[in-house]
Protein backbone atom coordinates (compact mmCIF):
# COMPACT_ATOMS: atom_id res chain seq x y z
CA UNK A 1 -68.62 -21.93 -35.25
CA UNK A 2 -70.73 -18.83 -34.91
CA UNK A 3 -72.54 -17.34 -38.50
CA UNK A 4 -71.04 -14.00 -39.03
CA UNK A 5 -73.66 -11.42 -39.20
CA UNK A 6 -75.19 -10.67 -42.83
CA UNK A 7 -74.40 -7.01 -44.44
CA UNK A 8 -76.79 -5.24 -45.66
CA UNK A 9 -77.20 -3.82 -49.26
CA UNK A 10 -77.01 -0.34 -48.30
CA UNK A 11 -76.12 2.24 -51.27
CA UNK A 12 -77.74 -0.82 -53.84
CA UNK A 13 -81.06 -0.37 -55.90
CA UNK A 14 -82.79 -2.18 -58.22
CA UNK A 15 -84.78 -0.15 -60.80
CA UNK A 16 -86.10 0.07 -64.48
CA UNK A 17 -88.28 -2.86 -64.29
CA UNK A 18 -89.22 -4.23 -67.82
CA UNK A 19 -91.58 -6.72 -69.62
CA UNK A 20 -91.23 -7.85 -73.04
CA UNK A 21 -95.12 -9.03 -74.16
CA UNK A 22 -95.57 -13.03 -74.09
CA UNK A 23 -96.53 -15.00 -76.49
CA UNK A 24 -97.33 -18.18 -76.62
CA UNK A 25 -94.89 -19.55 -79.04
CA UNK A 26 -92.23 -17.95 -81.11
CA UNK A 27 -90.14 -18.59 -83.77
CA UNK A 28 -87.50 -15.88 -82.62
CA UNK A 29 -84.54 -17.46 -80.54
CA UNK A 30 -83.79 -16.57 -76.93
CA UNK A 31 -81.26 -14.16 -78.06
CA UNK A 32 -84.07 -11.53 -79.83
CA UNK A 33 -86.47 -11.95 -76.51
CA UNK A 34 -82.69 -10.64 -74.49
CA UNK A 35 -81.94 -8.31 -77.23
CA UNK A 36 -85.28 -6.53 -76.32
CA UNK A 37 -85.52 -6.65 -72.77
CA UNK A 38 -81.91 -5.31 -73.48
CA UNK A 39 -82.74 -2.37 -75.42
CA UNK A 40 -86.37 -1.53 -73.38
CA UNK A 41 -83.68 -1.57 -70.25
CA UNK A 42 -81.72 1.03 -71.92
CA UNK A 43 -84.48 3.04 -73.22
CA UNK A 44 -86.52 3.23 -69.96
CA UNK A 45 -82.74 4.38 -68.04
CA UNK A 46 -82.59 6.96 -70.77
CA UNK A 47 -79.36 5.17 -71.09
CA UNK A 48 -76.54 3.83 -74.36
CA UNK A 49 -76.97 0.12 -74.06
CA UNK A 50 -73.16 0.08 -73.69
CA UNK A 51 -73.42 2.28 -70.77
CA UNK A 52 -74.41 -1.40 -69.10
CA UNK A 53 -71.44 -2.92 -67.37
CA UNK A 54 -72.74 -5.50 -65.98
CA UNK A 55 -74.62 -8.40 -67.71
CA UNK A 56 -76.58 -11.51 -65.54
CA UNK A 57 -78.91 -14.03 -67.72
CA UNK A 58 -81.23 -16.22 -66.43
CA UNK A 59 -82.46 -18.98 -69.36
CA UNK A 60 -82.09 -22.54 -70.36
CA UNK A 61 -81.95 -21.94 -73.67
CA UNK A 62 -79.44 -19.55 -75.30
CA UNK A 63 -76.93 -22.47 -76.26
CA UNK A 64 -75.30 -22.40 -78.82
CA UNK A 65 -74.40 -19.07 -77.69
CA UNK A 66 -73.09 -18.42 -74.52
CA UNK A 67 -73.95 -15.18 -72.61
CA UNK A 68 -70.07 -14.09 -73.20
CA UNK A 69 -71.26 -14.15 -77.18
CA UNK A 70 -73.96 -12.20 -76.43
CA UNK A 71 -72.27 -9.46 -75.42
CA UNK A 72 -70.02 -9.41 -78.93
CA UNK A 73 -73.84 -10.20 -80.62
CA UNK A 74 -75.41 -6.95 -78.73
CA UNK A 75 -71.91 -4.79 -78.96
CA UNK A 76 -71.18 -4.51 -74.91
CA UNK A 77 -68.17 -4.86 -72.80
CA UNK A 78 -69.22 -5.85 -69.56
CA UNK A 79 -66.53 -5.76 -66.86
CA UNK A 80 -69.26 -8.09 -64.76
CA UNK A 81 -71.17 -11.46 -65.98
CA UNK A 82 -73.41 -13.76 -64.65
CA UNK A 83 -75.29 -16.73 -66.11
CA UNK A 84 -77.95 -18.37 -64.30
CA UNK A 85 -79.57 -21.06 -65.97
CA UNK A 86 -81.39 -21.80 -62.18
CA UNK A 87 -85.04 -21.95 -62.88
CA UNK A 88 -87.62 -20.38 -60.85
CA UNK A 89 -84.57 -19.25 -58.24
CA UNK A 90 -82.45 -17.66 -61.30
CA UNK A 91 -83.83 -13.75 -60.69
CA UNK A 92 -83.18 -13.85 -56.51
CA UNK A 93 -79.87 -15.32 -57.00
CA UNK A 94 -78.99 -12.96 -59.89
CA UNK A 95 -80.04 -9.92 -57.86
CA UNK A 96 -77.98 -10.84 -54.43
CA UNK A 97 -74.88 -11.26 -57.23
CA UNK A 98 -75.40 -8.18 -58.57
CA UNK A 99 -76.07 -6.09 -55.93
CA UNK A 100 -72.87 -7.48 -53.85
CA UNK A 101 -70.71 -6.78 -57.50
CA UNK A 102 -72.15 -3.16 -57.67
CA UNK A 103 -71.33 -2.58 -53.53
CA UNK A 104 -67.96 -4.14 -54.33
CA UNK A 105 -67.40 -1.20 -57.05
CA UNK A 106 -66.56 -4.30 -59.25
CA UNK A 107 -69.12 -3.05 -61.55
CA UNK A 108 -71.77 0.29 -62.27
CA UNK A 109 -74.56 -0.61 -63.66
CA UNK A 110 -76.43 -4.64 -64.20
CA UNK A 111 -78.67 -5.39 -66.83
CA UNK A 112 -80.38 -8.48 -65.58
CA UNK A 113 -82.24 -10.22 -67.87
CA UNK A 114 -84.77 -13.81 -67.43
CA UNK A 115 -85.77 -14.86 -70.79
CA UNK A 116 -86.57 -18.18 -72.90
CA UNK A 117 -88.39 -18.90 -75.95
CA UNK A 118 -91.05 -21.65 -76.56
CA UNK A 119 -91.53 -23.41 -80.01
CA UNK A 120 -93.71 -26.08 -80.60
CA UNK A 121 -91.55 -29.01 -79.23
CA UNK A 122 -89.17 -26.73 -76.94
CA UNK A 123 -90.98 -28.16 -73.49
CA UNK A 124 -90.70 -31.92 -74.37
CA UNK A 125 -86.78 -30.91 -75.89
CA UNK A 126 -85.50 -29.30 -72.54
CA UNK A 127 -87.19 -32.03 -70.69
CA UNK A 128 -84.88 -34.48 -72.39
CA UNK A 129 -81.74 -33.01 -70.88
CA UNK A 130 -83.01 -31.42 -68.26
CA UNK A 131 -81.21 -33.59 -65.35
CA UNK A 132 -79.92 -37.32 -64.54
CA UNK A 133 -83.25 -37.82 -62.54
CA UNK A 134 -85.31 -36.70 -65.44
CA UNK A 135 -83.55 -38.60 -68.47
CA UNK A 136 -83.10 -42.03 -66.22
CA UNK A 137 -86.17 -42.06 -63.95
CA UNK A 138 -88.89 -40.11 -65.10
CA UNK A 139 -88.42 -39.68 -69.13
CA UNK A 140 -88.57 -42.83 -70.46
CA UNK A 141 -91.49 -44.27 -68.63
CA UNK A 142 -93.72 -41.64 -70.44
CA UNK A 143 -93.96 -39.09 -67.45
CA UNK A 144 -91.59 -36.37 -68.39
CA UNK A 145 -92.22 -32.83 -66.75
CA UNK A 146 -92.70 -32.01 -63.48
CA UNK A 147 -96.32 -32.86 -62.96
CA UNK A 148 -96.10 -36.56 -61.95
CA UNK A 149 -92.84 -35.29 -59.30
CA UNK A 150 -95.46 -32.30 -58.25
CA UNK A 151 -97.58 -35.01 -57.77
CA UNK A 152 -95.83 -36.66 -55.85
CA UNK A 153 -95.19 -34.29 -53.42
CA UNK A 154 -98.80 -32.41 -53.27
CA UNK A 155 -100.55 -36.09 -52.41
CA UNK A 156 -98.28 -36.06 -49.56
CA UNK A 157 -98.99 -32.83 -48.20
CA UNK A 158 -102.49 -32.95 -48.44
CA UNK A 159 -102.56 -36.27 -46.87
CA UNK A 160 -100.50 -34.51 -43.68
CA UNK A 161 -101.59 -30.70 -43.29
CA UNK A 162 -105.24 -31.56 -44.61
CA UNK A 163 -105.14 -29.21 -47.66
CA UNK A 164 -107.82 -29.56 -50.33
CA UNK A 165 -108.54 -28.85 -53.83
CA UNK A 166 -110.72 -26.09 -53.01
CA UNK A 167 -107.88 -24.57 -51.00
CA UNK A 168 -105.76 -24.89 -53.92
CA UNK A 169 -108.47 -23.52 -56.22
CA UNK A 170 -108.49 -20.32 -53.96
CA UNK A 171 -105.04 -19.46 -54.82
CA UNK A 172 -105.36 -19.85 -58.69
CA UNK A 173 -108.81 -17.99 -58.75
CA UNK A 174 -107.77 -15.37 -57.26
CA UNK A 175 -104.62 -14.83 -59.58
CA UNK A 176 -106.67 -15.14 -62.50
CA UNK A 177 -108.73 -12.07 -61.10
CA UNK A 178 -105.59 -10.46 -60.72
CA UNK A 179 -104.29 -11.19 -63.92
CA UNK A 180 -107.58 -9.66 -65.89
CA UNK A 181 -105.93 -6.14 -64.83
CA UNK A 182 -102.38 -7.16 -66.62
CA UNK A 183 -102.26 -6.14 -69.76
CA UNK A 184 -99.46 -9.00 -70.35
CA UNK A 185 -101.42 -11.99 -69.39
CA UNK A 186 -101.91 -14.20 -71.39
CA UNK A 187 -105.49 -15.70 -70.09
CA UNK A 188 -108.00 -13.23 -70.59
CA UNK A 189 -110.52 -15.65 -69.06
CA UNK A 190 -112.33 -15.41 -65.42
CA UNK A 191 -111.40 -18.08 -63.49
CA UNK A 192 -113.74 -19.51 -60.94
CA UNK A 193 -113.84 -22.43 -58.39
CA UNK A 194 -116.57 -24.50 -60.05
CA UNK A 195 -114.52 -24.61 -63.17
CA UNK A 196 -111.33 -25.17 -61.38
CA UNK A 197 -112.86 -28.03 -59.76
CA UNK A 198 -114.19 -29.49 -62.70
CA UNK A 199 -111.20 -29.27 -64.52
CA UNK A 200 -109.31 -32.38 -66.02
CA UNK A 201 -106.61 -34.39 -64.10
CA UNK A 202 -103.47 -33.77 -65.58
CA UNK A 203 -101.32 -36.01 -62.58
CA UNK A 204 -103.53 -35.92 -59.72
CA UNK A 205 -103.91 -34.89 -57.18
CA UNK A 206 -102.67 -31.90 -59.93
CA UNK A 207 -105.27 -30.74 -62.81
CA UNK A 208 -105.53 -28.68 -65.27
CA UNK A 209 -105.08 -24.99 -63.57
CA UNK A 210 -102.91 -25.95 -60.97
CA UNK A 211 -100.38 -26.39 -63.71
CA UNK A 212 -98.55 -23.39 -65.51
CA UNK A 213 -98.15 -23.11 -69.39
CA UNK A 214 -94.76 -22.79 -71.33
CA UNK A 215 -94.25 -19.56 -73.44
CA UNK A 216 -92.05 -17.18 -74.83
CA UNK A 217 -90.93 -13.41 -73.16
CA UNK A 218 -88.34 -11.44 -71.16
CA UNK A 219 -88.60 -9.75 -68.17
CA UNK A 220 -85.60 -7.45 -66.50
CA UNK A 221 -84.61 -4.62 -64.45
CA UNK A 222 -81.40 -2.95 -63.23
CA UNK A 223 -79.17 -3.03 -60.54
CA UNK A 224 -77.04 0.30 -59.56
CA UNK A 225 -75.84 2.26 -57.13
CA UNK A 226 -78.73 4.96 -55.01
CA UNK A 227 -77.01 8.05 -56.49
CA UNK A 228 -77.00 6.61 -60.09
CA UNK A 229 -80.58 6.06 -59.97
CA UNK A 230 -81.35 9.62 -58.28
CA UNK A 231 -78.68 11.52 -61.25
CA UNK A 232 -80.94 9.51 -63.85
CA UNK A 233 -84.10 10.22 -62.28
CA UNK A 234 -85.11 6.99 -61.90
CA UNK A 235 -87.74 5.61 -59.40
CA UNK A 236 -86.16 2.40 -57.05
CA UNK A 237 -86.35 0.44 -54.61
CA UNK A 238 -83.91 -0.96 -52.01
CA UNK A 239 -82.81 -4.63 -51.30
CA UNK A 240 -84.32 -4.65 -47.75
CA UNK A 241 -83.20 -8.19 -47.27
CA UNK A 242 -81.80 -11.57 -49.23
CA UNK A 243 -81.43 -15.68 -48.44
CA UNK A 244 -81.18 -18.15 -50.51
CA UNK A 245 -80.83 -21.90 -49.87
CA UNK A 246 -79.98 -25.40 -51.58
CA UNK A 247 -81.17 -28.79 -51.13
CA UNK A 248 -82.28 -28.01 -47.48
CA UNK A 249 -84.02 -30.43 -45.18
CA UNK A 250 -82.75 -33.45 -47.49
CA UNK A 251 -84.04 -36.11 -44.82
CA UNK A 252 -87.09 -35.47 -45.74
CA UNK A 253 -88.77 -38.28 -47.36
CA UNK A 254 -90.74 -35.79 -49.55
CA UNK A 255 -90.74 -32.46 -49.86
CA UNK A 256 -92.89 -30.38 -47.26
CA UNK A 257 -90.56 -27.54 -46.82
CA UNK A 258 -88.27 -25.48 -49.08
CA UNK A 259 -85.25 -23.77 -47.92
CA UNK A 260 -86.77 -20.26 -46.98
CA UNK A 261 -87.54 -22.27 -43.61
CA UNK A 262 -83.81 -22.30 -42.44
CA UNK A 263 -83.21 -18.67 -43.00
CA UNK A 264 -86.28 -16.70 -43.04
CA UNK A 265 -85.44 -15.34 -39.19
CA UNK A 266 -82.29 -13.84 -40.85
CA UNK A 267 -84.07 -12.23 -43.69
CA UNK A 268 -86.29 -10.97 -41.30
CA UNK A 269 -84.10 -9.50 -39.17
CA UNK A 270 -81.84 -8.27 -42.17
CA UNK A 271 -84.86 -6.32 -43.39
CA UNK A 272 -85.70 -4.81 -39.17
CA UNK A 273 -89.57 -6.33 -40.51
CA UNK A 274 -91.98 -8.98 -39.24
CA UNK A 275 -94.04 -10.83 -41.96
CA UNK A 276 -97.19 -8.51 -40.55
CA UNK A 277 -95.50 -5.06 -42.35
CA UNK A 278 -95.04 -6.91 -45.70
CA UNK A 279 -97.67 -5.25 -48.21
CA UNK A 280 -97.13 -7.50 -51.01
CA UNK A 281 -96.30 -11.14 -51.75
CA UNK A 282 -94.75 -12.68 -54.88
CA UNK A 283 -94.46 -16.59 -54.17
CA UNK A 284 -92.69 -18.54 -57.03
CA UNK A 285 -96.52 -20.02 -57.95
CA UNK A 286 -95.31 -23.39 -60.65
CA UNK A 287 -98.12 -25.02 -58.54
CA UNK A 288 -100.87 -23.42 -56.38
CA UNK A 289 -99.67 -25.55 -52.95
CA UNK A 290 -96.44 -24.39 -53.59
CA UNK A 291 -97.37 -20.91 -52.61
CA UNK A 292 -99.20 -22.06 -49.93
CA UNK A 293 -95.84 -23.81 -48.87
CA UNK A 294 -94.07 -20.37 -49.04
CA UNK A 295 -96.84 -19.00 -46.76
CA UNK A 296 -95.96 -21.01 -44.60
CA UNK A 297 -91.67 -21.14 -44.69
CA UNK A 298 -92.06 -18.09 -44.60
CA UNK A 299 -94.05 -17.04 -41.27
CA UNK A 300 -97.34 -15.80 -42.98
CA UNK A 301 -98.28 -19.06 -40.86
CA UNK A 302 -97.27 -21.83 -38.99
CA UNK A 303 -95.70 -25.06 -40.70
CA UNK A 304 -99.23 -27.12 -41.74
CA UNK A 305 -101.95 -23.80 -41.68
CA UNK A 306 -101.35 -23.04 -44.88
CA UNK A 307 -104.89 -23.93 -45.97
CA UNK A 308 -106.41 -21.87 -43.07
CA UNK A 309 -104.74 -19.46 -43.92
CA UNK A 310 -105.80 -19.33 -47.56
CA UNK A 311 -109.22 -19.44 -46.32
CA UNK A 312 -109.31 -16.77 -44.04
CA UNK A 313 -107.51 -14.54 -46.60
CA UNK A 314 -108.86 -12.27 -49.49
CA UNK A 315 -105.50 -12.39 -51.72
CA UNK A 316 -106.30 -10.33 -54.57
CA UNK A 317 -104.84 -6.81 -55.29
CA UNK A 318 -107.32 -5.02 -53.07
CA UNK A 319 -107.45 -8.06 -50.55
CA UNK A 320 -106.01 -8.56 -47.04
CA UNK A 321 -103.18 -10.10 -48.11
CA UNK A 322 -102.22 -9.59 -51.96
CA UNK A 323 -100.78 -12.35 -53.75
CA UNK A 324 -98.82 -12.83 -57.10
CA UNK A 325 -100.71 -9.29 -58.00
CA UNK A 326 -99.55 -9.33 -61.75
CA UNK A 327 -101.57 -13.11 -61.83
CA UNK A 328 -98.31 -14.76 -61.83
CA UNK A 329 -97.47 -17.90 -63.75
CA UNK A 330 -100.60 -19.73 -63.69
CA UNK A 331 -102.27 -16.89 -65.54
CA UNK A 332 -98.96 -14.75 -66.83
CA UNK A 333 -97.79 -17.93 -68.39
CA UNK A 334 -93.81 -19.19 -67.89
CA UNK A 335 -91.84 -17.99 -70.05
CA UNK A 336 -89.07 -20.19 -69.19
CA UNK A 337 -86.75 -18.97 -66.28
CA UNK A 338 -88.15 -15.46 -67.25
CA UNK A 339 -90.80 -16.99 -65.28
CA UNK A 340 -88.94 -16.35 -61.78
CA UNK A 341 -88.00 -12.85 -62.99
CA UNK A 342 -92.18 -11.84 -63.46
CA UNK A 343 -92.72 -11.66 -59.18
CA UNK A 344 -89.43 -9.64 -58.62
CA UNK A 345 -90.23 -7.49 -61.78
CA UNK A 346 -93.87 -7.09 -60.07
CA UNK A 347 -92.64 -6.63 -56.41
CA UNK A 348 -89.97 -3.64 -57.76
CA UNK A 349 -93.44 -1.94 -59.73
CA UNK A 350 -95.61 -2.22 -56.63
CA UNK A 351 -93.15 -0.26 -54.19
CA UNK A 352 -92.07 2.04 -56.82
CA UNK A 353 -95.52 2.72 -57.52
CA UNK A 354 -95.48 1.48 -60.98
CA UNK A 355 -97.28 -0.97 -61.57
CA UNK A 356 -100.42 0.25 -62.91
CA UNK A 357 -103.69 -1.24 -62.85
CA UNK A 358 -102.37 -4.13 -60.57
CA UNK A 359 -100.72 -1.27 -58.05
CA UNK A 360 -101.34 -2.41 -54.49
CA UNK A 361 -102.51 1.07 -52.77
CA UNK A 362 -99.74 1.87 -50.35
CA UNK A 363 -96.94 -0.69 -51.03
CA UNK A 364 -93.97 -0.03 -49.00
CA UNK A 365 -92.64 -3.44 -48.64
CA UNK A 366 -92.75 -6.43 -51.29
CA UNK A 367 -91.81 -9.75 -51.20
CA UNK A 368 -90.63 -11.90 -54.10
CA UNK A 369 -89.76 -15.42 -53.38
CA UNK A 370 -87.77 -18.18 -55.92
CA UNK A 371 -87.89 -22.21 -56.13
CA UNK A 372 -87.12 -24.24 -58.82
CA UNK A 373 -84.53 -27.18 -60.19
CA UNK A 374 -86.72 -29.88 -58.82
CA UNK A 375 -85.45 -33.59 -59.08
CA UNK A 376 -87.86 -36.44 -58.71
CA UNK A 377 -88.86 -35.40 -55.06
CA UNK A 378 -88.36 -32.25 -54.34
CA UNK A 379 -86.78 -28.20 -55.53
CA UNK A 380 -83.37 -28.17 -54.67
CA UNK A 381 -83.04 -23.90 -54.81
CA UNK A 382 -85.19 -21.66 -52.63
CA UNK A 383 -84.96 -17.90 -52.42
CA UNK A 384 -86.47 -14.81 -51.20
CA UNK A 385 -86.29 -10.96 -51.40
CA UNK A 386 -87.44 -8.02 -49.77
CA UNK A 387 -87.56 -4.64 -51.45
CA UNK A 388 -89.08 -1.21 -49.94
CA UNK A 389 -90.05 1.63 -51.67
CA UNK A 390 -87.84 4.91 -51.75
CA UNK A 391 -89.84 6.78 -49.33
């Protein structure tokens, strides 16, 4: 059976990127963080929050509230609602669904928000119920959390393709340099390769600076028609192409590629672009080697050439391959599912010229990627989007 041609997102735009500054720990619940993001979105857009007739939330910690329950808390009466507890892929999944709903006329303006809080014990508590794999195969043996699973994937990748810790370190060091320009980044101290290499092992080959720091925070953006954005005088980005894929390459004994590799040709065809035309890339960086995997699977180099690609490129804001210009989760922090929104929000800022100190010169096309929902030996969700500036 032939595959249908992917339909464009004509007349749909993304605007009003907002970040609620992160906190390492917070006594406020997730509803509070979502509420602050909602207020910021309405304020930045010059709208009453009740004018937002769509609400899309990515989060792991809204319980006991549901997203429908939040509409009463916030005084909303939306005609479109979505809840996405899908980790690092939630932002792009939410964007795709919101864009199609706007395009179909089912909704006018969708507020897309990713947020989670972080109390002292939040991360441990979330691990206990994250998945059946976590409950039965990992947590009872004292190996709670994703570090052990990603160590398995990383060690396999290193053996097969010859990547070294120094290569992963170059990614982390460049992101820290970028983060020093970002006032919202939680990490304010420069990082050099020597410090990276000497850091203590967490689950070899994963070391301290390979790991994100859980925190509390929120990110958000609005999805609407182009005419609505122009009427409000809002800078906007066009959604040039997007893909998502789940449980790809399930026959691989240990993950070495993500779902992006299945649909990447369609992503570029939809956007009418080639990898060389992407000015900025915002990968999902829960670990540096996962970013390297995305460089390969998204066509910037061939499979197995990621390490050499990193060695031959400057990944800083002014470099030959600007990558995770905000600093990424490795240096900004991971606000739960909000971490998956971080790169997408930064991509909107980049192509609308609103990134401030992290702005890449003449950034016209930006790619943002999502990855998440780790089971024992692989992440199951992959997504990517290409955004283009108004001009």
